[in-house]
Amino acid sequence: MEQNKTQKKIDFDKILDQVRVFAPATVANMICGFDILGFAVDSPGDEVCMYRSAEPGVRIRSIQGDDGRLPLDPDKNTVSACVKMLLEKLDLQDDIGVEIELIKHMPIGSGLGSSSASTVAGLFAINALLGNPLDREELLPFCVEGERLACGHGHADNVAPALLGGITLIRGYEPLDVIKLPVPQDLYAGIVFPQVDVPTRDARQLIKAKVLLKDAVTQWGNIAGLIAGLFQSDYDLISRSMHDVLIEPTRAILIPQFYEMKQIAMDNGALSFGISGSGPSVVAITKGQEIAQVVADKIQEHLVANGIDSFKYVSSVNVEGPRVL
């Protein structure tokens, strides 16, 4: 019955011939909120161009910017696989055909939600092509499935902020319960992506299955303090709260010069500093764009002096999420 109700939302006369969508990169965990917090940034991000086809089915025309690393098989690529999943849910798999061009503007394996940006762009694009029959919250479970396909773990700390924009809290998964949090006006991120390889699966395997109760209590207090700080736009409370005693001590081992970069960030006025997602990207949270820029510049200079190339990005929190271009 629910599927039939959804089916009635589709007006075939209003289906678009093509659409182009941008979806943003994200900083998962937000330092102290492992697997439950994340925020979207303005840049980088990925684009999807989607074209209606006379032949039913989902096909990938091309992928740019991936150095040939992503599959063109529509059943193995997370973008096309999730689009197929949505069309099947709407019972449109025999009526609608689409062709996809994926343009990667962000590096794979960066810790900035590369797979989630592509998946969100694809699902946002097919929804727009169909006349937006689903709202963003209804698209979110499909995005989570995309993460499961990409890395074997269906988490939402990247896809939720990429899709909904802003800062999101994943309260639970059964059922999926996502809450948007306030974004203080002057909250910025200085992000540096060192050119070292830290596979997500390897980073996750380092995490301890059990933690000390005293460390768990410290982490709970930090998460609660951070959320309170966001609601109050209290930058001092945000700074005091954004400390990770559970995940960072283990994952930092995989990132060369991590603690030296952290010292540079804190010495130059950052509110906090930590790992973006599973790394190797690192993020300085700051009050204001100028500090974020200074910190990112100085960290990049330090990495160059130590023979490590890197990319850098400075951004406010992106409250819009994906958009049609």
C-alpha atoms as a PDB file:
ATOM      1  CA  MET A   1       0.000   0.000   0.000  1.00  0.00           C
ATOM      2  CA  GLU A   2       2.797   2.424   0.910  1.00  0.00           C
ATOM      3  CA  GLN A   3       4.558   1.764  -2.378  1.00  0.00           C
ATOM      4  CA  ASN A   4       1.363   2.514  -4.326  1.00  0.00           C
ATOM      5  CA  LYS A   5       0.934   5.766  -2.427  1.00  0.00           C
ATOM      6  CA  THR A   6       4.484   6.726  -3.347  1.00  0.00           C
ATOM      7  CA  GLN A   7       3.925   5.690  -6.954  1.00  0.00           C
ATOM      8  CA  LYS A   8       1.077   8.205  -7.282  1.00  0.00           C
ATOM      9  CA  LYS A   9       3.520  11.037  -6.569  1.00  0.00           C
ATOM     10  CA  ILE A  10       5.175  10.522  -9.948  1.00  0.00           C
ATOM     11  CA  ASP A  11       3.848  12.744 -12.729  1.00  0.00           C
ATOM     12  CA  PHE A  12       5.424  11.279 -15.869  1.00  0.00           C
ATOM     13  CA  ASP A  13       4.729  14.466 -17.817  1.00  0.00           C
ATOM     14  CA  LYS A  14       6.926  16.427 -15.413  1.00  0.00           C
ATOM     15  CA  ILE A  15       9.953  14.132 -15.400  1.00  0.00           C
ATOM     16  CA  LEU A  16      13.021  16.115 -16.459  1.00  0.00           C
ATOM     17  CA  ASP A  17      15.246  15.197 -19.375  1.00  0.00           C
ATOM     18  CA  GLN A  18      18.433  15.935 -17.416  1.00  0.00           C
ATOM     19  CA  VAL A  19      19.703  17.365 -14.162  1.00  0.00           C
ATOM     20  CA  ARG A  20      23.083  18.251 -12.661  1.00  0.00           C
ATOM     21  CA  VAL A  21      23.661  18.056  -8.902  1.00  0.00           C
ATOM     22  CA  PHE A  22      26.478  18.948  -6.495  1.00  0.00           C
ATOM     23  CA  ALA A  23      26.825  17.227  -3.110  1.00  0.00           C
ATOM     24  CA  PRO A  24      29.350  18.322  -0.474  1.00  0.00           C
ATOM     25  CA  ALA A  25      32.211  16.677   1.335  1.00  0.00           C
ATOM     26  CA  THR A  26      31.741  16.067   5.034  1.00  0.00           C
ATOM     27  CA  VAL A  27      33.728  15.864   8.248  1.00  0.00           C
ATOM     28  CA  ALA A  28      32.500  12.783  10.097  1.00  0.00           C
ATOM     29  CA  ASN A  29      32.825  12.237  13.859  1.00  0.00           C
ATOM     30  CA  MET A  30      33.363  15.965  14.545  1.00  0.00           C
ATOM     31  CA  ILE A  31      36.365  14.879  16.633  1.00  0.00           C
ATOM     32  CA  CYS A  32      34.594  13.525  19.743  1.00  0.00           C
ATOM     33  CA  GLY A  33      31.429  12.034  18.200  1.00  0.00           C
ATOM     34  CA  PHE A  34      32.598   8.778  16.617  1.00  0.00           C
ATOM     35  CA  ASP A  35      29.969   7.475  14.165  1.00  0.00           C
ATOM     36  CA  ILE A  36      27.256   9.840  15.469  1.00  0.00           C
ATOM     37  CA  LEU A  37      28.270  13.395  14.502  1.00  0.00           C
ATOM     38  CA  GLY A  38      29.236  15.041  11.215  1.00  0.00           C
ATOM     39  CA  PHE A  39      29.006  18.282   9.278  1.00  0.00           C
ATOM     40  CA  ALA A  40      28.989  19.324   5.633  1.00  0.00           C
ATOM     41  CA  VAL A  41      31.464  21.760   4.072  1.00  0.00           C
ATOM     42  CA  ASP A  42      31.197  24.084   1.067  1.00  0.00           C
ATOM     43  CA  SER A  43      34.146  22.572  -0.793  1.00  0.00           C
ATOM     44  CA  PRO A  44      35.177  20.088  -2.063  1.00  0.00           C
ATOM     45  CA  GLY A  45      32.326  17.906  -3.321  1.00  0.00           C
ATOM     46  CA  ASP A  46      31.181  15.738  -6.215  1.00  0.00           C
ATOM     47  CA  GLU A  47      28.826  16.258  -9.153  1.00  0.00           C
ATOM     48  CA  VAL A  48      26.421  13.954 -10.937  1.00  0.00           C
ATOM     49  CA  CYS A  49      24.887  14.681 -14.335  1.00  0.00           C
ATOM     50  CA  MET A  50      21.861  12.490 -14.994  1.00  0.00           C
ATOM     51  CA  TYR A  51      20.039  12.053 -18.294  1.00  0.00           C
ATOM     52  CA  ARG A  52      16.695  10.422 -18.970  1.00  0.00           C
ATOM     53  CA  SER A  53      16.969   7.532 -21.412  1.00  0.00           C
ATOM     54  CA  ALA A  54      14.348   5.884 -23.617  1.00  0.00           C
ATOM     55  CA  GLU A  55      15.651   2.461 -22.581  1.00  0.00           C
ATOM     56  CA  PRO A  56      14.706   1.381 -19.013  1.00  0.00           C
ATOM     57  CA  GLY A  57      17.548   0.725 -16.599  1.00  0.00           C
ATOM     58  CA  VAL A  58      20.490   2.555 -15.054  1.00  0.00           C
ATOM     59  CA  ARG A  59      23.777   2.978 -16.898  1.00  0.00           C
ATOM     60  CA  ILE A  60      26.993   4.900 -16.247  1.00  0.00           C
ATOM     61  CA  ARG A  61      28.197   6.965 -19.212  1.00  0.00           C
ATOM     62  CA  SER A  62      31.459   8.066 -17.647  1.00  0.00           C
ATOM     63  CA  ILE A  63      33.390   8.779 -14.473  1.00  0.00           C
ATOM     64  CA  GLN A  64      35.852  11.667 -14.322  1.00  0.00           C
ATOM     65  CA  GLY A  65      38.481  12.409 -11.693  1.00  0.00           C
ATOM     66  CA  ASP A  66      38.806   8.924 -10.198  1.00  0.00           C
ATOM     67  CA  ASP A  67      41.957   7.784 -12.046  1.00  0.00           C
ATOM     68  CA  GLY A  68      40.016   4.733 -13.197  1.00  0.00           C
ATOM     69  CA  ARG A  69      39.517   3.426  -9.651  1.00  0.00           C
ATOM     70  CA  LEU A  70      35.709   3.293  -9.599  1.00  0.00           C
ATOM     71  CA  PRO A  71      33.639   0.581 -11.332  1.00  0.00           C
ATOM     72  CA  LEU A  72      31.503   1.387 -14.374  1.00  0.00           C
ATOM     73  CA  ASP A  73      29.337  -1.662 -13.688  1.00  0.00           C
ATOM     74  CA  PRO A  74      26.007  -0.167 -12.520  1.00  0.00           C
ATOM     75  CA  ASP A  75      25.544  -2.969  -9.981  1.00  0.00           C
ATOM     76  CA  LYS A  76      28.939  -2.327  -8.363  1.00  0.00           C
ATOM     77  CA  ASN A  77      29.110   1.470  -8.403  1.00  0.00           C
ATOM     78  CA  THR A  78      27.423   2.927  -5.317  1.00  0.00           C
ATOM     79  CA  VAL A  79      25.850   5.827  -7.247  1.00  0.00           C
ATOM     80  CA  SER A  80      24.097   3.702  -9.863  1.00  0.00           C
ATOM     81  CA  ALA A  81      23.320   0.872  -7.437  1.00  0.00           C
ATOM     82  CA  CYS A  82      21.493   3.273  -5.110  1.00  0.00           C
ATOM     83  CA  VAL A  83      19.631   4.887  -8.019  1.00  0.00           C
ATOM     84  CA  LYS A  84      18.493   1.403  -9.077  1.00  0.00           C
ATOM     85  CA  MET A  85      17.422   0.693  -5.513  1.00  0.00           C
ATOM     86  CA  LEU A  86      15.296   3.849  -5.390  1.00  0.00           C
ATOM     87  CA  LEU A  87      13.653   3.167  -8.761  1.00  0.00           C
ATOM     88  CA  GLU A  88      12.797  -0.345  -7.601  1.00  0.00           C
ATOM     89  CA  LYS A  89      11.313   1.011  -4.374  1.00  0.00           C
ATOM     90  CA  LEU A  90       9.118   3.337  -6.446  1.00  0.00           C
ATOM     91  CA  ASP A  91       8.288   0.439  -8.807  1.00  0.00           C
ATOM     92  CA  LEU A  92       9.720   2.422 -11.741  1.00  0.00           C
ATOM     93  CA  GLN A  93      12.547   0.100 -12.800  1.00  0.00           C
ATOM     94  CA  ASP A  94      10.651  -0.962 -15.944  1.00  0.00           C
ATOM     95  CA  ASP A  95       9.421   2.537 -16.814  1.00  0.00           C
ATOM     96  CA  ILE A  96      12.400   4.854 -16.340  1.00  0.00           C
ATOM     97  CA  GLY A  97      15.874   4.746 -17.860  1.00  0.00           C
ATOM     98  CA  VAL A  98      18.752   7.000 -16.831  1.00  0.00           C
ATOM     99  CA  GLU A  99      22.381   7.496 -17.778  1.00  0.00           C
ATOM    100  CA  ILE A 100      24.867   8.894 -15.278  1.00  0.00           C
ATOM    101  CA  GLU A 101      28.025  10.978 -15.504  1.00  0.00           C
ATOM    102  CA  LEU A 102      29.973  11.143 -12.236  1.00  0.00           C
ATOM    103  CA  ILE A 103      32.474  13.975 -11.812  1.00  0.00           C
ATOM    104  CA  LYS A 104      34.781  13.492  -8.826  1.00  0.00           C
ATOM    105  CA  HIS A 105      36.120  16.793  -7.514  1.00  0.00           C
ATOM    106  CA  MET A 106      37.319  15.278  -4.274  1.00  0.00           C
ATOM    107  CA  PRO A 107      39.973  12.665  -3.622  1.00  0.00           C
ATOM    108  CA  ILE A 108      39.083   9.049  -2.875  1.00  0.00           C
ATOM    109  CA  GLY A 109      40.221   7.781   0.519  1.00  0.00           C
ATOM    110  CA  SER A 110      40.568  11.259   1.971  1.00  0.00           C
ATOM    111  CA  GLY A 111      38.435  10.889   5.085  1.00  0.00           C
ATOM    112  CA  LEU A 112      36.083  13.548   3.667  1.00  0.00           C
ATOM    113  CA  GLY A 113      33.187  11.313   2.661  1.00  0.00           C
ATOM    114  CA  SER A 114      34.080  10.829  -0.991  1.00  0.00           C
ATOM    115  CA  SER A 115      31.725   7.883  -1.518  1.00  0.00           C
ATOM    116  CA  SER A 116      28.911   9.547   0.411  1.00  0.00           C
ATOM    117  CA  ALA A 117      29.143  12.762  -1.642  1.00  0.00           C
ATOM    118  CA  SER A 118      28.808  10.760  -4.865  1.00  0.00           C
ATOM    119  CA  THR A 119      25.937   8.649  -3.529  1.00  0.00           C
ATOM    120  CA  VAL A 120      24.052  11.660  -2.196  1.00  0.00           C
ATOM    121  CA  ALA A 121      24.530  13.514  -5.488  1.00  0.00           C
ATOM    122  CA  GLY A 122      23.162  10.535  -7.424  1.00  0.00           C
ATOM    123  CA  LEU A 123      20.106  10.037  -5.232  1.00  0.00           C
ATOM    124  CA  PHE A 124      19.371  13.762  -5.074  1.00  0.00           C
ATOM    125  CA  ALA A 125      19.656  13.864  -8.880  1.00  0.00           C
ATOM    126  CA  ILE A 126      17.261  10.969  -9.589  1.00  0.00           C
ATOM    127  CA  ASN A 127      14.774  12.428  -7.100  1.00  0.00           C
ATOM    128  CA  ALA A 128      14.978  15.826  -8.824  1.00  0.00           C
ATOM    129  CA  LEU A 129      14.657  14.191 -12.250  1.00  0.00           C
ATOM    130  CA  LEU A 130      11.437  12.507 -11.090  1.00  0.00           C
ATOM    131  CA  GLY A 131       9.967  15.734  -9.736  1.00  0.00           C
ATOM    132  CA  ASN A 132      11.043  15.273  -6.093  1.00  0.00           C
ATOM    133  CA  PRO A 133       8.573  12.577  -4.998  1.00  0.00           C
ATOM    134  CA  LEU A 134      10.608  11.924  -1.826  1.00  0.00           C
ATOM    135  CA  ASP A 135      11.799  14.379   0.786  1.00  0.00           C
ATOM    136  CA  ARG A 136      15.388  14.330   2.048  1.00  0.00           C
ATOM    137  CA  GLU A 137      14.568  12.258   5.109  1.00  0.00           C
ATOM    138  CA  GLU A 138      13.013   9.602   2.850  1.00  0.00           C
ATOM    139  CA  LEU A 139      16.173   9.556   0.716  1.00  0.00           C
ATOM    140  CA  LEU A 140      18.455   9.027   3.716  1.00  0.00           C
ATOM    141  CA  PRO A 141      18.033   5.219   4.097  1.00  0.00           C
ATOM    142  CA  PHE A 142      19.060   4.779   0.450  1.00  0.00           C
ATOM    143  CA  CYS A 143      22.177   6.872   1.150  1.00  0.00           C
ATOM    144  CA  VAL A 144      23.027   4.682   4.145  1.00  0.00           C
ATOM    145  CA  GLU A 145      22.782   1.604   1.931  1.00  0.00           C
ATOM    146  CA  GLY A 146      25.248   3.284  -0.408  1.00  0.00           C
ATOM    147  CA  GLU A 147      27.739   3.509   2.457  1.00  0.00           C
ATOM    148  CA  ARG A 148      27.186  -0.166   3.195  1.00  0.00           C
ATOM    149  CA  LEU A 149      28.047  -0.976  -0.420  1.00  0.00           C
ATOM    150  CA  ALA A 150      31.092   1.316  -0.381  1.00  0.00           C
ATOM    151  CA  CYS A 151      32.770   0.237   2.835  1.00  0.00           C
ATOM    152  CA  GLY A 152      30.795  -2.637   4.321  1.00  0.00           C
ATOM    153  CA  HIS A 153      29.363  -0.563   7.167  1.00  0.00           C
ATOM    154  CA  GLY A 154      26.053   1.282   6.764  1.00  0.00           C
ATOM    155  CA  HIS A 155      26.782   4.357   8.838  1.00  0.00           C
ATOM    156  CA  ALA A 156      25.207   7.784   8.382  1.00  0.00           C
ATOM    157  CA  ASP A 157      27.742  10.207   9.853  1.00  0.00           C
ATOM    158  CA  ASN A 158      28.862  11.236   6.344  1.00  0.00           C
ATOM    159  CA  VAL A 159      25.688  10.831   4.288  1.00  0.00           C
ATOM    160  CA  ALA A 160      23.375  12.551   6.787  1.00  0.00           C
ATOM    161  CA  PRO A 161      25.155  15.941   6.752  1.00  0.00           C
ATOM    162  CA  ALA A 162      25.881  15.607   3.017  1.00  0.00           C
ATOM    163  CA  LEU A 163      22.162  15.130   2.333  1.00  0.00           C
ATOM    164  CA  LEU A 164      20.565  17.298   5.021  1.00  0.00           C
ATOM    165  CA  GLY A 165      23.266  19.963   5.302  1.00  0.00           C
ATOM    166  CA  GLY A 166      24.662  21.482   8.476  1.00  0.00           C
ATOM    167  CA  ILE A 167      25.609  19.460  11.552  1.00  0.00           C
ATOM    168  CA  THR A 168      23.803  16.201  12.205  1.00  0.00           C
ATOM    169  CA  LEU A 169      23.517  13.818  15.131  1.00  0.00           C
ATOM    170  CA  ILE A 170      22.779  10.128  14.531  1.00  0.00           C
ATOM    171  CA  ARG A 171      20.780   9.223  17.648  1.00  0.00           C
ATOM    172  CA  GLY A 172      20.175   5.645  16.541  1.00  0.00           C
ATOM    173  CA  TYR A 173      19.848   3.227  13.633  1.00  0.00           C
ATOM    174  CA  GLU A 174      16.949   0.966  14.600  1.00  0.00           C
ATOM    175  CA  PRO A 175      15.041   2.909  13.494  1.00  0.00           C
ATOM    176  CA  LEU A 176      17.293   5.479  11.823  1.00  0.00           C
ATOM    177  CA  ASP A 177      16.941   8.672  13.856  1.00  0.00           C
ATOM    178  CA  VAL A 178      18.850  11.762  12.681  1.00  0.00           C
ATOM    179  CA  ILE A 179      18.686  15.202  14.325  1.00  0.00           C
ATOM    180  CA  LYS A 180      19.911  18.453  12.794  1.00  0.00           C
ATOM    181  CA  LEU A 181      21.860  20.594  15.254  1.00  0.00           C
ATOM    182  CA  PRO A 182      22.316  24.376  15.323  1.00  0.00           C
ATOM    183  CA  VAL A 183      25.288  25.838  13.447  1.00  0.00           C
ATOM    184  CA  PRO A 184      27.007  28.798  15.140  1.00  0.00           C
ATOM    185  CA  GLN A 185      27.501  31.555  12.574  1.00  0.00           C
ATOM    186  CA  ASP A 186      31.281  31.854  12.846  1.00  0.00           C
ATOM    187  CA  LEU A 187      32.127  28.147  12.973  1.00  0.00           C
ATOM    188  CA  TYR A 188      34.741  27.300  10.324  1.00  0.00           C
ATOM    189  CA  ALA A 189      36.918  24.371   9.363  1.00  0.00           C
ATOM    190  CA  GLY A 190      40.496  24.393   8.117  1.00  0.00           C
ATOM    191  CA  ILE A 191      40.996  21.003   6.461  1.00  0.00           C
ATOM    192  CA  VAL A 192      44.288  19.509   5.271  1.00  0.00           C
ATOM    193  CA  PHE A 193      44.496  16.240   3.343  1.00  0.00           C
ATOM    194  CA  PRO A 194      48.059  14.833   3.557  1.00  0.00           C
ATOM    195  CA  GLN A 195      48.996  12.622   0.615  1.00  0.00           C
ATOM    196  CA  VAL A 196      49.323   9.427   2.639  1.00  0.00           C
ATOM    197  CA  ASP A 197      47.181   6.314   2.401  1.00  0.00           C
ATOM    198  CA  VAL A 198      44.922   5.364   5.325  1.00  0.00           C
ATOM    199  CA  PRO A 199      42.272   2.870   4.123  1.00  0.00           C
ATOM    200  CA  THR A 200      38.968   3.182   6.004  1.00  0.00           C
ATOM    201  CA  ARG A 201      38.834  -0.541   6.760  1.00  0.00           C
ATOM    202  CA  ASP A 202      42.354  -0.499   8.245  1.00  0.00           C
ATOM    203  CA  ALA A 203      41.559   2.547  10.385  1.00  0.00           C
ATOM    204  CA  ARG A 204      38.378   0.899  11.682  1.00  0.00           C
ATOM    205  CA  GLN A 205      40.173  -2.338  12.543  1.00  0.00           C
ATOM    206  CA  LEU A 206      42.465  -0.447  14.934  1.00  0.00           C
ATOM    207  CA  ILE A 207      39.549   0.616  17.124  1.00  0.00           C
ATOM    208  CA  LYS A 208      39.339  -1.218  20.433  1.00  0.00           C
ATOM    209  CA  ALA A 209      36.284  -3.405  21.010  1.00  0.00           C
ATOM    210  CA  LYS A 210      36.259  -2.454  24.721  1.00  0.00           C
ATOM    211  CA  VAL A 211      37.117   0.825  26.438  1.00  0.00           C
ATOM    212  CA  LEU A 212      37.612   1.873  30.035  1.00  0.00           C
ATOM    213  CA  LEU A 213      34.487   3.190  31.728  1.00  0.00           C
ATOM    214  CA  LYS A 214      36.291   6.355  32.819  1.00  0.00           C
ATOM    215  CA  ASP A 215      37.230   7.083  29.192  1.00  0.00           C
ATOM    216  CA  ALA A 216      33.661   6.433  28.041  1.00  0.00           C
ATOM    217  CA  VAL A 217      32.345   8.850  30.681  1.00  0.00           C
ATOM    218  CA  THR A 218      34.829  11.493  29.533  1.00  0.00           C
ATOM    219  CA  GLN A 219      33.738  11.030  25.913  1.00  0.00           C
ATOM    220  CA  TRP A 220      30.033  11.198  26.791  1.00  0.00           C
ATOM    221  CA  GLY A 221      30.641  14.439  28.649  1.00  0.00           C
ATOM    222  CA  ASN A 222      32.522  15.895  25.695  1.00  0.00           C
ATOM    223  CA  ILE A 223      29.753  14.988  23.227  1.00  0.00           C
ATOM    224  CA  ALA A 224      27.084  16.448  25.489  1.00  0.00           C
ATOM    225  CA  GLY A 225      29.179  19.575  26.046  1.00  0.00           C
ATOM    226  CA  LEU A 226      29.720  20.022  22.312  1.00  0.00           C
ATOM    227  CA  ILE A 227      25.999  19.773  21.573  1.00  0.00           C
ATOM    228  CA  ALA A 228      25.218  22.242  24.372  1.00  0.00           C
ATOM    229  CA  GLY A 229      27.885  24.570  22.975  1.00  0.00           C
ATOM    230  CA  LEU A 230      26.317  24.424  19.509  1.00  0.00           C
ATOM    231  CA  PHE A 231      22.883  25.300  20.877  1.00  0.00           C
ATOM    232  CA  GLN A 232      24.320  28.213  22.866  1.00  0.00           C
ATOM    233  CA  SER A 233      26.891  29.355  20.252  1.00  0.00           C
ATOM    234  CA  ASP A 234      29.364  29.070  23.122  1.00  0.00           C
ATOM    235  CA  TYR A 235      32.732  28.755  21.386  1.00  0.00           C
ATOM    236  CA  ASP A 236      34.624  28.270  24.651  1.00  0.00           C
ATOM    237  CA  LEU A 237      32.391  25.319  25.576  1.00  0.00           C
ATOM    238  CA  ILE A 238      32.758  23.936  22.049  1.00  0.00           C
ATOM    239  CA  SER A 239      36.535  24.149  22.393  1.00  0.00           C
ATOM    240  CA  ARG A 240      36.575  22.495  25.839  1.00  0.00           C
ATOM    241  CA  SER A 241      34.363  19.677  24.584  1.00  0.00           C
ATOM    242  CA  MET A 242      35.973  18.732  21.267  1.00  0.00           C
ATOM    243  CA  HIS A 243      38.486  16.210  22.581  1.00  0.00           C
ATOM    244  CA  ASP A 244      38.612  12.541  21.604  1.00  0.00           C
ATOM    245  CA  VAL A 245      40.010  10.115  24.182  1.00  0.00           C
ATOM    246  CA  LEU A 246      38.739   6.930  22.480  1.00  0.00           C
ATOM    247  CA  ILE A 247      39.518   6.920  18.759  1.00  0.00           C
ATOM    248  CA  GLU A 248      42.183   9.558  18.092  1.00  0.00           C
ATOM    249  CA  PRO A 249      44.975   7.989  20.197  1.00  0.00           C
ATOM    250  CA  THR A 250      44.807   4.867  18.019  1.00  0.00           C
ATOM    251  CA  ARG A 251      44.130   6.340  14.571  1.00  0.00           C
ATOM    252  CA  ALA A 252      46.665   9.151  14.966  1.00  0.00           C
ATOM    253  CA  ILE A 253      49.420   6.542  14.681  1.00  0.00           C
ATOM    254  CA  LEU A 254      48.510   6.126  10.980  1.00  0.00           C
ATOM    255  CA  ILE A 255      48.871   9.848  10.166  1.00  0.00           C
ATOM    256  CA  PRO A 256      52.445  11.181   9.916  1.00  0.00           C
ATOM    257  CA  GLN A 257      53.081  14.435  11.813  1.00  0.00           C
ATOM    258  CA  PHE A 258      49.633  14.319  13.432  1.00  0.00           C
ATOM    259  CA  TYR A 259      50.599  15.702  16.822  1.00  0.00           C
ATOM    260  CA  GLU A 260      52.899  18.293  15.275  1.00  0.00           C
ATOM    261  CA  MET A 261      49.970  19.471  13.125  1.00  0.00           C
ATOM    262  CA  LYS A 262      47.739  19.543  16.178  1.00  0.00           C
ATOM    263  CA  GLN A 263      50.217  21.711  18.062  1.00  0.00           C
ATOM    264  CA  ILE A 264      50.397  24.142  15.128  1.00  0.00           C
ATOM    265  CA  ALA A 265      46.602  24.390  15.038  1.00  0.00           C
ATOM    266  CA  MET A 266      46.209  25.041  18.741  1.00  0.00           C
ATOM    267  CA  ASP A 267      49.114  27.502  18.829  1.00  0.00           C
ATOM    268  CA  ASN A 268      47.406  29.530  16.091  1.00  0.00           C
ATOM    269  CA  GLY A 269      43.991  29.886  17.695  1.00  0.00           C
ATOM    270  CA  ALA A 270      42.020  26.782  16.702  1.00  0.00           C
ATOM    271  CA  LEU A 271      39.174  25.765  18.976  1.00  0.00           C
ATOM    272  CA  SER A 272      40.039  22.125  18.404  1.00  0.00           C
ATOM    273  CA  PHE A 273      41.881  19.794  16.062  1.00  0.00           C
ATOM    274  CA  GLY A 274      41.407  16.177  15.081  1.00  0.00           C
ATOM    275  CA  ILE A 275      40.927  13.555  12.399  1.00  0.00           C
ATOM    276  CA  SER A 276      38.243  13.904   9.734  1.00  0.00           C
ATOM    277  CA  GLY A 277      36.429  10.590   9.473  1.00  0.00           C
ATOM    278  CA  SER A 278      38.970   7.783   9.345  1.00  0.00           C
ATOM    279  CA  GLY A 279      41.671  10.116   8.014  1.00  0.00           C
ATOM    280  CA  PRO A 280      44.178  10.951   6.773  1.00  0.00           C
ATOM    281  CA  SER A 281      42.507  14.380   6.437  1.00  0.00           C
ATOM    282  CA  VAL A 282      42.755  16.459   9.572  1.00  0.00           C
ATOM    283  CA  VAL A 283      40.514  19.342  10.590  1.00  0.00           C
ATOM    284  CA  ALA A 284      40.976  22.443  12.686  1.00  0.00           C
ATOM    285  CA  ILE A 285      37.696  23.837  14.041  1.00  0.00           C
ATOM    286  CA  THR A 286      37.923  27.602  14.425  1.00  0.00           C
ATOM    287  CA  LYS A 287      35.937  30.700  15.213  1.00  0.00           C
ATOM    288  CA  GLY A 288      36.115  32.681  11.992  1.00  0.00           C
ATOM    289  CA  GLN A 289      37.499  32.127   8.516  1.00  0.00           C
ATOM    290  CA  GLU A 290      40.781  33.975   9.041  1.00  0.00           C
ATOM    291  CA  ILE A 291      42.021  31.615  11.756  1.00  0.00           C
ATOM    292  CA  ALA A 292      40.988  28.577   9.706  1.00  0.00           C
ATOM    293  CA  GLN A 293      42.995  29.893   6.746  1.00  0.00           C
ATOM    294  CA  VAL A 294      46.081  30.655   8.846  1.00  0.00           C
ATOM    295  CA  VAL A 295      46.008  27.224  10.467  1.00  0.00           C
ATOM    296  CA  ALA A 296      45.547  25.394   7.153  1.00  0.00           C
ATOM    297  CA  ASP A 297      48.379  27.394   5.563  1.00  0.00           C
ATOM    298  CA  LYS A 298      50.803  26.749   8.411  1.00  0.00           C
ATOM    299  CA  ILE A 299      50.004  23.033   8.569  1.00  0.00           C
ATOM    300  CA  GLN A 300      50.526  22.707   4.833  1.00  0.00           C
ATOM    301  CA  GLU A 301      53.857  24.548   5.116  1.00  0.00           C
ATOM    302  CA  HIS A 302      54.900  22.155   7.879  1.00  0.00           C
ATOM    303  CA  LEU A 303      54.010  19.135   5.768  1.00  0.00           C
ATOM    304  CA  VAL A 304      55.969  20.481   2.790  1.00  0.00           C
ATOM    305  CA  ALA A 305      59.003  20.941   5.053  1.00  0.00           C
ATOM    306  CA  ASN A 306      58.664  17.271   5.983  1.00  0.00           C
ATOM    307  CA  GLY A 307      58.330  16.025   2.401  1.00  0.00           C
ATOM    308  CA  ILE A 308      54.544  15.442   2.440  1.00  0.00           C
ATOM    309  CA  ASP A 309      52.283  16.885  -0.254  1.00  0.00           C
ATOM    310  CA  SER A 310      48.747  17.886   0.693  1.00  0.00           C
ATOM    311  CA  PHE A 311      45.518  19.580  -0.322  1.00  0.00           C
ATOM    312  CA  LYS A 312      43.817  22.171   1.859  1.00  0.00           C
ATOM    313  CA  TYR A 313      40.270  23.494   2.110  1.00  0.00           C
ATOM    314  CA  VAL A 314      38.797  26.282   4.233  1.00  0.00           C
ATOM    315  CA  SER A 315      35.058  26.335   4.677  1.00  0.00           C
ATOM    316  CA  SER A 316      32.167  27.376   6.831  1.00  0.00           C
ATOM    317  CA  VAL A 317      29.607  24.713   7.713  1.00  0.00           C
ATOM    318  CA  ASN A 318      27.476  24.077   4.629  1.00  0.00           C
ATOM    319  CA  VAL A 319      23.867  24.277   5.806  1.00  0.00           C
ATOM    320  CA  GLU A 320      22.369  23.739   2.323  1.00  0.00           C
ATOM    321  CA  GLY A 321      23.618  20.260   1.500  1.00  0.00           C
ATOM    322  CA  PRO A 322      23.209  19.078  -2.118  1.00  0.00           C
ATOM    323  CA  ARG A 323      21.883  21.444  -4.742  1.00  0.00           C
ATOM    324  CA  VAL A 324      20.778  21.392  -8.349  1.00  0.00           C
ATOM    325  CA  LEU A 325      23.264  23.305 -10.489  1.00  0.00           C
END
